[in-house]
Amino acid sequence: MFVLEDESGKVFGECVVTDEGGGVLEIKNIATSPEVHGKGYGRALIQYVENAFSGKFSVLQVGTGDSPFDGFLL
């Protein structure tokens, strides 16, 4: 689990990822506080996860609900 917070510890977002095996990393949940919607915090969380696990997994899969999108290659 990754948490996005400011210097005072106020949480603005979170992202939960799991190793699904076979080179697949899945985003299980991602959320940001309503006060920061549209400011790029969710995008920053995804980019952080992508950078943190680049070279360790071949696929980053988004599994936060019913979606036709299977994932993309890292």
C-alpha atoms as a PDB file:
ATOM      1  CA  MET A   1       0.000   0.000   0.000  1.00  0.00           C
ATOM      2  CA  PHE A   2       1.270   3.417  -0.921  1.00  0.00           C
ATOM      3  CA  VAL A   3      -0.014   6.568   0.766  1.00  0.00           C
ATOM      4  CA  LEU A   4       0.328  10.108  -0.559  1.00  0.00           C
ATOM      5  CA  GLU A   5       0.545  12.620   2.266  1.00  0.00           C
ATOM      6  CA  ASP A   6       1.838  16.113   2.927  1.00  0.00           C
ATOM      7  CA  GLU A   7       4.541  17.114   5.431  1.00  0.00           C
ATOM      8  CA  SER A   8       2.017  17.269   8.293  1.00  0.00           C
ATOM      9  CA  GLY A   9       0.836  13.708   7.631  1.00  0.00           C
ATOM     10  CA  LYS A  10      -2.482  14.642   6.031  1.00  0.00           C
ATOM     11  CA  VAL A  11      -3.408  11.865   3.588  1.00  0.00           C
ATOM     12  CA  PHE A  12      -4.467  12.857   0.062  1.00  0.00           C
ATOM     13  CA  GLY A  13      -4.444   9.472  -1.643  1.00  0.00           C
ATOM     14  CA  GLU A  14      -3.666   5.778  -1.510  1.00  0.00           C
ATOM     15  CA  CYS A  15      -2.894   2.945  -3.891  1.00  0.00           C
ATOM     16  CA  VAL A  16      -2.948  -0.799  -3.139  1.00  0.00           C
ATOM     17  CA  VAL A  17      -0.969  -3.146  -5.396  1.00  0.00           C
ATOM     18  CA  THR A  18      -0.480  -6.921  -5.379  1.00  0.00           C
ATOM     19  CA  ASP A  19       1.848  -9.363  -7.093  1.00  0.00           C
ATOM     20  CA  GLU A  20      -0.461 -11.595  -9.137  1.00  0.00           C
ATOM     21  CA  GLY A  21       2.346 -13.876 -10.314  1.00  0.00           C
ATOM     22  CA  GLY A  22       3.549 -14.426 -13.843  1.00  0.00           C
ATOM     23  CA  GLY A  23       5.077 -10.953 -14.025  1.00  0.00           C
ATOM     24  CA  VAL A  24       1.751  -9.208 -13.337  1.00  0.00           C
ATOM     25  CA  LEU A  25       1.415  -6.394 -10.797  1.00  0.00           C
ATOM     26  CA  GLU A  26      -2.182  -5.361 -10.133  1.00  0.00           C
ATOM     27  CA  ILE A  27      -3.556  -2.079  -8.826  1.00  0.00           C
ATOM     28  CA  LYS A  28      -6.370  -3.306  -6.569  1.00  0.00           C
ATOM     29  CA  ASN A  29      -7.482   0.089  -5.320  1.00  0.00           C
ATOM     30  CA  ILE A  30      -6.613   3.724  -5.881  1.00  0.00           C
ATOM     31  CA  ALA A  31      -8.297   6.745  -4.322  1.00  0.00           C
ATOM     32  CA  THR A  32      -7.735  10.440  -3.726  1.00  0.00           C
ATOM     33  CA  SER A  33      -9.455  12.898  -1.410  1.00  0.00           C
ATOM     34  CA  PRO A  34     -12.249  14.883  -3.075  1.00  0.00           C
ATOM     35  CA  GLU A  35     -10.424  18.120  -2.299  1.00  0.00           C
ATOM     36  CA  VAL A  36      -7.573  17.159  -4.652  1.00  0.00           C
ATOM     37  CA  HIS A  37      -9.574  15.607  -7.499  1.00  0.00           C
ATOM     38  CA  GLY A  38      -8.389  16.818 -10.898  1.00  0.00           C
ATOM     39  CA  LYS A  39      -4.989  17.943  -9.601  1.00  0.00           C
ATOM     40  CA  GLY A  40      -2.927  14.967 -10.812  1.00  0.00           C
ATOM     41  CA  TYR A  41      -2.506  13.143  -7.492  1.00  0.00           C
ATOM     42  CA  GLY A  42      -3.979   9.874  -8.820  1.00  0.00           C
ATOM     43  CA  ARG A  43      -1.761  10.126 -11.878  1.00  0.00           C
ATOM     44  CA  ALA A  44       1.242  10.721  -9.602  1.00  0.00           C
ATOM     45  CA  LEU A  45       0.429   7.592  -7.585  1.00  0.00           C
ATOM     46  CA  ILE A  46       0.230   5.466 -10.733  1.00  0.00           C
ATOM     47  CA  GLN A  47       3.504   6.914 -12.058  1.00  0.00           C
ATOM     48  CA  TYR A  48       5.172   6.211  -8.694  1.00  0.00           C
ATOM     49  CA  VAL A  49       4.026   2.572  -8.769  1.00  0.00           C
ATOM     50  CA  GLU A  50       5.123   2.224 -12.385  1.00  0.00           C
ATOM     51  CA  ASN A  51       8.590   3.627 -11.596  1.00  0.00           C
ATOM     52  CA  ALA A  52       8.989   1.690  -8.336  1.00  0.00           C
ATOM     53  CA  PHE A  53       8.298  -1.665 -10.007  1.00  0.00           C
ATOM     54  CA  SER A  54       9.723  -1.043 -13.483  1.00  0.00           C
ATOM     55  CA  GLY A  55      11.923  -3.968 -14.513  1.00  0.00           C
ATOM     56  CA  LYS A  56      10.405  -6.241 -11.835  1.00  0.00           C
ATOM     57  CA  PHE A  57       7.064  -6.874 -13.558  1.00  0.00           C
ATOM     58  CA  SER A  58       6.120  -6.988 -17.225  1.00  0.00           C
ATOM     59  CA  VAL A  59       2.452  -5.964 -16.842  1.00  0.00           C
ATOM     60  CA  LEU A  60       0.736  -3.385 -14.654  1.00  0.00           C
ATOM     61  CA  GLN A  61      -2.917  -4.432 -14.516  1.00  0.00           C
ATOM     62  CA  VAL A  62      -5.694  -2.190 -13.236  1.00  0.00           C
ATOM     63  CA  GLY A  63      -8.212  -4.326 -11.362  1.00  0.00           C
ATOM     64  CA  THR A  64     -10.292  -1.740  -9.534  1.00  0.00           C
ATOM     65  CA  GLY A  65     -13.600  -2.878 -11.055  1.00  0.00           C
ATOM     66  CA  ASP A  66     -15.223  -4.136 -14.207  1.00  0.00           C
ATOM     67  CA  SER A  67     -13.140  -2.763 -17.024  1.00  0.00           C
ATOM     68  CA  PRO A  68     -12.285  -3.944 -20.540  1.00  0.00           C
ATOM     69  CA  PHE A  69      -8.751  -2.605 -19.994  1.00  0.00           C
ATOM     70  CA  ASP A  70      -6.384  -5.469 -19.109  1.00  0.00           C
ATOM     71  CA  GLY A  71      -3.193  -3.540 -18.432  1.00  0.00           C
ATOM     72  CA  PHE A  72      -0.123  -2.186 -20.121  1.00  0.00           C
ATOM     73  CA  LEU A  73       3.471  -3.262 -20.421  1.00  0.00           C
ATOM     74  CA  LEU A  74       6.068  -1.730 -18.102  1.00  0.00           C
END
